PDB file of N, CA and C in Angstrom:
ATOM      1  N   MET A   1    -155.490  82.665 107.726  1.00  0.00           N
ATOM      2  CA  MET A   1    -154.748  81.465 107.199  1.00  0.00           C
ATOM      3  C   MET A   1    -154.072  80.637 108.339  1.00  0.00           C
ATOM      4  N   ALA A   2    -153.585  81.282 109.287  1.00  0.00           N
ATOM      5  CA  ALA A   2    -153.011  80.615 110.395  1.00  0.00           C
ATOM      6  C   ALA A   2    -153.939  79.741 111.242  1.00  0.00           C
ATOM      7  N   ALA A   3    -155.102  80.307 111.356  1.00  0.00           N
ATOM      8  CA  ALA A   3    -156.197  79.525 112.120  1.00  0.00           C
ATOM      9  C   ALA A   3    -156.645  78.327 111.413  1.00  0.00           C
ATOM     10  N   LYS A   4    -156.686  78.374 110.057  1.00  0.00           N
ATOM     11  CA  LYS A   4    -156.990  77.152 109.301  1.00  0.00           C
ATOM     12  C   LYS A   4    -155.869  76.084 109.426  1.00  0.00           C
ATOM     13  N   ILE A   5    -154.645  76.447 109.321  1.00  0.00           N
ATOM     14  CA  ILE A   5    -153.581  75.556 109.571  1.00  0.00           C
ATOM     15  C   ILE A   5    -153.559  74.997 110.926  1.00  0.00           C
ATOM     16  N   ILE A   6    -153.817  75.744 111.926  1.00  0.00           N
ATOM     17  CA  ILE A   6    -153.815  75.161 113.325  1.00  0.00           C
ATOM     18  C   ILE A   6    -154.910  74.143 113.406  1.00  0.00           C
ATOM     19  N   ILE A   7    -156.126  74.568 112.886  1.00  0.00           N
ATOM     20  CA  ILE A   7    -157.204  73.614 112.984  1.00  0.00           C
ATOM     21  C   ILE A   7    -156.972  72.357 112.228  1.00  0.00           C
ATOM     22  N   ALA A   8    -156.444  72.484 111.002  1.00  0.00           N
ATOM     23  CA  ALA A   8    -156.130  71.221 110.231  1.00  0.00           C
ATOM     24  C   ALA A   8    -155.030  70.418 110.753  1.00  0.00           C
ATOM     25  N   LEU A   9    -153.950  70.964 111.236  1.00  0.00           N
ATOM     26  CA  LEU A   9    -152.831  70.225 111.703  1.00  0.00           C
ATOM     27  C   LEU A   9    -152.764  69.888 113.149  1.00  0.00           C
ATOM     28  N   VAL A  10    -153.463  70.632 114.059  1.00  0.00           N
ATOM     29  CA  VAL A  10    -153.419  70.478 115.397  1.00  0.00           C
ATOM     30  C   VAL A  10    -154.801  69.929 115.961  1.00  0.00           C
ATOM     31  N   ALA A  11    -155.824  70.719 115.855  1.00  0.00           N
ATOM     32  CA  ALA A  11    -157.036  70.503 116.465  1.00  0.00           C
ATOM     33  C   ALA A  11    -157.681  69.232 115.976  1.00  0.00           C
ATOM     34  N   PHE A  12    -157.667  69.011 114.667  1.00  0.00           N
ATOM     35  CA  PHE A  12    -158.412  67.810 114.138  1.00  0.00           C
ATOM     36  C   PHE A  12    -157.742  66.512 114.617  1.00  0.00           C
ATOM     37  N   PRO A  13    -156.412  66.339 114.493  1.00  0.00           N
ATOM     38  CA  PRO A  13    -155.748  65.022 115.078  1.00  0.00           C
ATOM     39  C   PRO A  13    -155.959  64.852 116.546  1.00  0.00           C
ATOM     40  N   VAL A  14    -155.870  65.994 117.279  1.00  0.00           N
ATOM     41  CA  VAL A  14    -156.018  65.906 118.785  1.00  0.00           C
ATOM     42  C   VAL A  14    -157.371  65.560 119.069  1.00  0.00           C
ATOM     43  N   LEU A  15    -158.359  66.104 118.466  1.00  0.00           N
ATOM     44  CA  LEU A  15    -159.776  65.728 118.772  1.00  0.00           C
ATOM     45  C   LEU A  15    -160.031  64.302 118.372  1.00  0.00           C
ATOM     46  N   VAL A  16    -159.544  63.774 117.259  1.00  0.00           N
ATOM     47  CA  VAL A  16    -159.609  62.526 116.817  1.00  0.00           C
ATOM     48  C   VAL A  16    -159.089  61.453 117.917  1.00  0.00           C
ATOM     49  N   HIS A  17    -157.953  61.774 118.285  1.00  0.00           N
ATOM     50  CA  HIS A  17    -157.256  60.984 119.299  1.00  0.00           C
ATOM     51  C   HIS A  17    -158.141  60.884 120.534  1.00  0.00           C
ATOM     52  N   ALA A  18    -158.486  62.047 121.096  1.00  0.00           N
ATOM     53  CA  ALA A  18    -159.300  62.194 122.346  1.00  0.00           C
ATOM     54  C   ALA A  18    -160.611  61.392 122.157  1.00  0.00           C
ATOM     55  N   ILE A  19    -161.338  61.667 121.166  1.00  0.00           N
ATOM     56  CA  ILE A  19    -162.580  60.945 121.049  1.00  0.00           C
ATOM     57  C   ILE A  19    -162.444  59.533 120.859  1.00  0.00           C
ATOM     58  N   PHE A  20    -161.400  59.060 120.096  1.00  0.00           N
ATOM     59  CA  PHE A  20    -161.183  57.588 119.901  1.00  0.00           C
ATOM     60  C   PHE A  20    -160.783  57.021 121.256  1.00  0.00           C
ATOM     61  N   THR A  21    -159.933  57.678 122.048  1.00  0.00           N
ATOM     62  CA  THR A  21    -159.610  57.071 123.388  1.00  0.00           C
ATOM     63  C   THR A  21    -160.840  57.045 124.312  1.00  0.00           C
ATOM     64  N   VAL A  22    -161.637  57.942 124.285  1.00  0.00           N
ATOM     65  CA  VAL A  22    -162.872  57.844 125.122  1.00  0.00           C
ATOM     66  C   VAL A  22    -163.929  56.781 124.562  1.00  0.00           C
ATOM     67  N   ALA A  23    -163.980  56.734 123.304  1.00  0.00           N
ATOM     68  CA  ALA A  23    -164.890  55.707 122.734  1.00  0.00           C
ATOM     69  C   ALA A  23    -164.311  54.206 123.026  1.00  0.00           C
ATOM     70  N   ARG A  24    -162.965  54.089 122.947  1.00  0.00           N
ATOM     71  CA  ARG A  24    -162.456  52.755 123.232  1.00  0.00           C
ATOM     72  C   ARG A  24    -162.590  52.393 124.698  1.00  0.00           C
ATOM     73  N   LEU A  25    -162.456  53.453 125.629  1.00  0.00           N
ATOM     74  CA  LEU A  25    -162.618  53.173 127.033  1.00  0.00           C
ATOM     75  C   LEU A  25    -164.090  52.675 127.287  1.00  0.00           C
ATOM     76  N   VAL A  26    -165.059  53.362 126.650  1.00  0.00           N
ATOM     77  CA  VAL A  26    -166.470  52.947 126.881  1.00  0.00           C
ATOM     78  C   VAL A  26    -166.789  51.613 126.320  1.00  0.00           C
ATOM     79  N   LEU A  27    -166.213  51.430 125.109  1.00  0.00           N
ATOM     80  CA  LEU A  27    -166.408  50.014 124.452  1.00  0.00           C
ATOM     81  C   LEU A  27    -165.614  49.005 125.152  1.00  0.00           C
ATOM     82  N   GLY A  28    -164.441  49.308 125.769  1.00  0.00           N
ATOM     83  CA  GLY A  28    -163.740  48.351 126.558  1.00  0.00           C
ATOM     84  C   GLY A  28    -164.508  47.915 127.781  1.00  0.00           C
ATOM     85  N   LEU A  29    -165.388  48.646 128.347  1.00  0.00           N
ATOM     86  CA  LEU A  29    -166.098  48.305 129.480  1.00  0.00           C
ATOM     87  C   LEU A  29    -167.175  47.267 129.079  1.00  0.00           C
ATOM     88  N   MET A  30    -167.668  47.423 127.950  1.00  0.00           N
ATOM     89  CA  MET A  30    -168.702  46.513 127.386  1.00  0.00           C
ATOM     90  C   MET A  30    -168.168  45.283 126.578  1.00  0.00           C
ATOM     91  N   MET A  31    -166.956  45.342 126.174  1.00  0.00           N
ATOM     92  CA  MET A  31    -166.368  44.320 125.280  1.00  0.00           C
ATOM     93  C   MET A  31    -166.361  42.887 125.923  1.00  0.00           C
ATOM     94  N   PRO A  32    -166.015  42.645 127.160  1.00  0.00           N
ATOM     95  CA  PRO A  32    -165.934  41.375 127.670  1.00  0.00           C
ATOM     96  C   PRO A  32    -167.455  40.663 127.572  1.00  0.00           C
ATOM     97  N   GLU A  33    -168.438  41.350 127.953  1.00  0.00           N
ATOM     98  CA  GLU A  33    -169.836  40.876 127.802  1.00  0.00           C
ATOM     99  C   GLU A  33    -170.191  40.515 126.388  1.00  0.00           C
ATOM    100  N   VAL A  34    -169.763  41.461 125.597  1.00  0.00           N
ATOM    101  CA  VAL A  34    -170.202  41.204 124.057  1.00  0.00           C
ATOM    102  C   VAL A  34    -169.320  39.959 123.503  1.00  0.00           C
ATOM    103  N   LEU A  35    -168.196  39.962 123.828  1.00  0.00           N
ATOM    104  CA  LEU A  35    -167.298  38.902 123.302  1.00  0.00           C
ATOM    105  C   LEU A  35    -167.656  37.560 123.900  1.00  0.00           C
ATOM    106  N   ALA A  36    -168.246  37.479 125.014  1.00  0.00           N
ATOM    107  CA  ALA A  36    -168.694  36.276 125.625  1.00  0.00           C
ATOM    108  C   ALA A  36    -169.913  35.717 124.779  1.00  0.00           C
ATOM    109  N   HIS A  37    -170.680  36.564 124.281  1.00  0.00           N
ATOM    110  CA  HIS A  37    -171.872  36.137 123.457  1.00  0.00           C
ATOM    111  C   HIS A  37    -171.380  35.910 122.117  1.00  0.00           C
ATOM    112  N   ALA A  38    -170.335  36.519 121.570  1.00  0.00           N
ATOM    113  CA  ALA A  38    -169.970  36.432 120.146  1.00  0.00           C
ATOM    114  C   ALA A  38    -169.262  35.124 119.762  1.00  0.00           C
ATOM    115  N   GLY A  39    -168.741  34.341 120.803  1.00  0.00           N
ATOM    116  CA  GLY A  39    -168.237  33.094 120.486  1.00  0.00           C
ATOM    117  C   GLY A  39    -167.064  33.189 119.521  1.00  0.00           C
ATOM    118  N   SER A  40    -167.157  32.402 118.376  1.00  0.00           N
ATOM    119  CA  SER A  40    -166.113  32.388 117.437  1.00  0.00           C
ATOM    120  C   SER A  40    -165.824  33.711 116.722  1.00  0.00           C
ATOM    121  N   TRP A  41    -166.866  34.552 116.755  1.00  0.00           N
ATOM    122  CA  TRP A  41    -166.754  35.819 116.092  1.00  0.00           C
ATOM    123  C   TRP A  41    -166.151  36.909 116.930  1.00  0.00           C
ATOM    124  N   SER A  42    -165.588  36.581 118.040  1.00  0.00           N
ATOM    125  CA  SER A  42    -164.983  37.580 118.989  1.00  0.00           C
ATOM    126  C   SER A  42    -163.979  38.404 118.368  1.00  0.00           C
ATOM    127  N   GLU A  43    -162.978  37.837 117.603  1.00  0.00           N
ATOM    128  CA  GLU A  43    -161.945  38.687 116.973  1.00  0.00           C
ATOM    129  C   GLU A  43    -162.464  39.690 115.974  1.00  0.00           C
ATOM    130  N   ILE A  44    -163.479  39.273 115.230  1.00  0.00           N
ATOM    131  CA  ILE A  44    -164.052  40.142 114.260  1.00  0.00           C
ATOM    132  C   ILE A  44    -164.878  41.275 114.966  1.00  0.00           C
ATOM    133  N   VAL A  45    -165.659  40.904 116.013  1.00  0.00           N
ATOM    134  CA  VAL A  45    -166.320  41.851 116.839  1.00  0.00           C
ATOM    135  C   VAL A  45    -165.454  42.901 117.470  1.00  0.00           C
ATOM    136  N   SER A  46    -164.244  42.363 117.936  1.00  0.00           N
ATOM    137  CA  SER A  46    -163.311  43.213 118.520  1.00  0.00           C
ATOM    138  C   SER A  46    -162.644  44.240 117.496  1.00  0.00           C
ATOM    139  N   LYS A  47    -162.191  43.800 116.372  1.00  0.00           N
ATOM    140  CA  LYS A  47    -161.708  44.640 115.356  1.00  0.00           C
ATOM    141  C   LYS A  47    -162.788  45.561 114.835  1.00  0.00           C
ATOM    142  N   GLY A  48    -164.011  45.171 114.718  1.00  0.00           N
ATOM    143  CA  GLY A  48    -165.061  46.016 114.263  1.00  0.00           C
ATOM    144  C   GLY A  48    -165.380  47.206 115.289  1.00  0.00           C
ATOM    145  N   ALA A  49    -165.189  46.913 116.512  1.00  0.00           N
ATOM    146  CA  ALA A  49    -165.416  47.916 117.519  1.00  0.00           C
ATOM    147  C   ALA A  49    -164.340  48.977 117.454  1.00  0.00           C
ATOM    148  N   VAL A  50    -163.098  48.598 117.152  1.00  0.00           N
ATOM    149  CA  VAL A  50    -161.995  49.488 116.928  1.00  0.00           C
ATOM    150  C   VAL A  50    -162.200  50.340 115.705  1.00  0.00           C
ATOM    151  N   VAL A  51    -162.599  49.808 114.668  1.00  0.00           N
ATOM    152  CA  VAL A  51    -162.946  50.537 113.373  1.00  0.00           C
ATOM    153  C   VAL A  51    -164.165  51.548 113.655  1.00  0.00           C
ATOM    154  N   ALA A  52    -165.214  51.003 114.333  1.00  0.00           N
ATOM    155  CA  ALA A  52    -166.330  51.880 114.581  1.00  0.00           C
ATOM    156  C   ALA A  52    -165.945  53.037 115.550  1.00  0.00           C
ATOM    157  N   ALA A  53    -165.092  52.714 116.463  1.00  0.00           N
ATOM    158  CA  ALA A  53    -164.597  54.003 117.353  1.00  0.00           C
ATOM    159  C   ALA A  53    -163.851  54.936 116.519  1.00  0.00           C
ATOM    160  N   PHE A  54    -162.936  54.387 115.577  1.00  0.00           N
ATOM    161  CA  PHE A  54    -162.115  55.314 114.754  1.00  0.00           C
ATOM    162  C   PHE A  54    -163.077  56.191 113.832  1.00  0.00           C
ATOM    163  N   LEU A  55    -163.937  55.498 113.214  1.00  0.00           N
ATOM    164  CA  LEU A  55    -164.904  56.293 112.398  1.00  0.00           C
ATOM    165  C   LEU A  55    -165.747  57.292 113.007  1.00  0.00           C
ATOM    166  N   LEU A  56    -166.272  56.949 114.295  1.00  0.00           N
ATOM    167  CA  LEU A  56    -166.990  57.852 115.029  1.00  0.00           C
ATOM    168  C   LEU A  56    -166.148  59.068 115.472  1.00  0.00           C
ATOM    169  N   ALA A  57    -164.920  58.813 115.808  1.00  0.00           N
ATOM    170  CA  ALA A  57    -163.955  59.874 116.269  1.00  0.00           C
ATOM    171  C   ALA A  57    -163.658  60.732 115.136  1.00  0.00           C
ATOM    172  N   VAL A  58    -163.475  60.283 113.880  1.00  0.00           N
ATOM    173  CA  VAL A  58    -163.170  61.176 112.816  1.00  0.00           C
ATOM    174  C   VAL A  58    -164.347  61.949 112.413  1.00  0.00           C
ATOM    175  N   ARG A  59    -165.564  61.430 112.418  1.00  0.00           N
ATOM    176  CA  ARG A  59    -166.706  62.143 112.094  1.00  0.00           C
ATOM    177  C   ARG A  59    -167.007  63.258 113.145  1.00  0.00           C
ATOM    178  N   ALA A  60    -166.883  62.911 114.291  1.00  0.00           N
ATOM    179  CA  ALA A  60    -167.106  63.842 115.366  1.00  0.00           C
ATOM    180  C   ALA A  60    -166.121  65.051 115.311  1.00  0.00           C
ATOM    181  N   SER A  61    -164.838  64.683 115.138  1.00  0.00           N
ATOM    182  CA  SER A  61    -163.838  65.671 115.057  1.00  0.00           C
ATOM    183  C   SER A  61    -164.045  66.577 113.769  1.00  0.00           C
ATOM    184  N   PHE A  62    -164.405  66.065 112.757  1.00  0.00           N
ATOM    185  CA  PHE A  62    -164.727  66.782 111.559  1.00  0.00           C
ATOM    186  C   PHE A  62    -165.873  67.755 111.823  1.00  0.00           C
ATOM    187  N   GLY A  63    -166.886  67.355 112.537  1.00  0.00           N
ATOM    188  CA  GLY A  63    -168.035  68.232 112.856  1.00  0.00           C
ATOM    189  C   GLY A  63    -167.581  69.387 113.746  1.00  0.00           C
ATOM    190  N   VAL A  64    -166.709  69.125 114.707  1.00  0.00           N
ATOM    191  CA  VAL A  64    -166.231  70.146 115.642  1.00  0.00           C
ATOM    192  C   VAL A  64    -165.332  71.151 114.800  1.00  0.00           C
ATOM    193  N   CYS A  65    -164.434  70.626 114.067  1.00  0.00           N
ATOM    194  CA  CYS A  65    -163.471  71.407 113.302  1.00  0.00           C
ATOM    195  C   CYS A  65    -164.181  72.265 112.226  1.00  0.00           C
ATOM    196  N   ARG A  66    -165.178  71.731 111.705  1.00  0.00           N
ATOM    197  CA  ARG A  66    -165.955  72.484 110.712  1.00  0.00           C
ATOM    198  C   ARG A  66    -166.655  73.751 111.434  1.00  0.00           C
ATOM    199  N   ARG A  67    -167.101  73.567 112.594  1.00  0.00           N
ATOM    200  CA  ARG A  67    -167.602  74.811 113.288  1.00  0.00           C
ATOM    201  C   ARG A  67    -166.589  75.708 113.698  1.00  0.00           C
ATOM    202  N   LEU A  68    -165.221  75.308 113.968  1.00  0.00           N
ATOM    203  CA  LEU A  68    -164.226  76.173 114.278  1.00  0.00           C
ATOM    204  C   LEU A  68    -163.628  76.882 113.107  1.00  0.00           C
ATOM    205  N   TRP A  69    -163.827  76.364 111.912  1.00  0.00           N
ATOM    206  CA  TRP A  69    -163.225  76.907 110.725  1.00  0.00           C
ATOM    207  C   TRP A  69    -163.731  78.310 110.478  1.00  0.00           C
ATOM    208  N   PRO A  70    -162.819  79.351 110.300  1.00  0.00           N
ATOM    209  CA  PRO A  70    -163.204  80.668 110.131  1.00  0.00           C
ATOM    210  C   PRO A  70    -163.970  80.874 108.809  1.00  0.00           C
ATOM    211  N   ALA A  71    -164.934  81.799 108.939  1.00  0.00           N
ATOM    212  CA  ALA A  71    -165.761  82.059 107.817  1.00  0.00           C
ATOM    213  C   ALA A  71    -165.033  83.041 106.922  1.00  0.00           C
ATOM    214  N   PRO A  72    -165.219  82.918 105.543  1.00  0.00           N
ATOM    215  CA  PRO A  72    -164.533  83.870 104.659  1.00  0.00           C
ATOM    216  C   PRO A  72    -164.937  85.283 104.939  1.00  0.00           C
ATOM    217  N   VAL A  73    -163.988  86.252 104.807  1.00  0.00           N
ATOM    218  CA  VAL A  73    -164.222  87.610 105.002  1.00  0.00           C
ATOM    219  C   VAL A  73    -164.845  88.188 103.697  1.00  0.00           C
ATOM    220  N   LYS A  74    -166.007  88.874 103.799  1.00  0.00           N
ATOM    221  CA  LYS A  74    -166.575  89.427 102.698  1.00  0.00           C
ATOM    222  C   LYS A  74    -166.511  90.930 102.677  1.00  0.00           C
TER     223      LYS A  74
END
């Protein structure tokens, strides 16, 4: 039970934050070039990149935590 609590309350949010930060760093390197081509859509593209990075982080963290989740004892 303790392992499940640690995974849900510690590992999942920490992994989401770490993956989100890395994704934003990578996207941050590409954003000036993308925003130059976006023109008037630059604010929408920028917000979309943040949302995409967050969704990617949540999904990746869920996959990792699902692998860490202890199997039921039979």
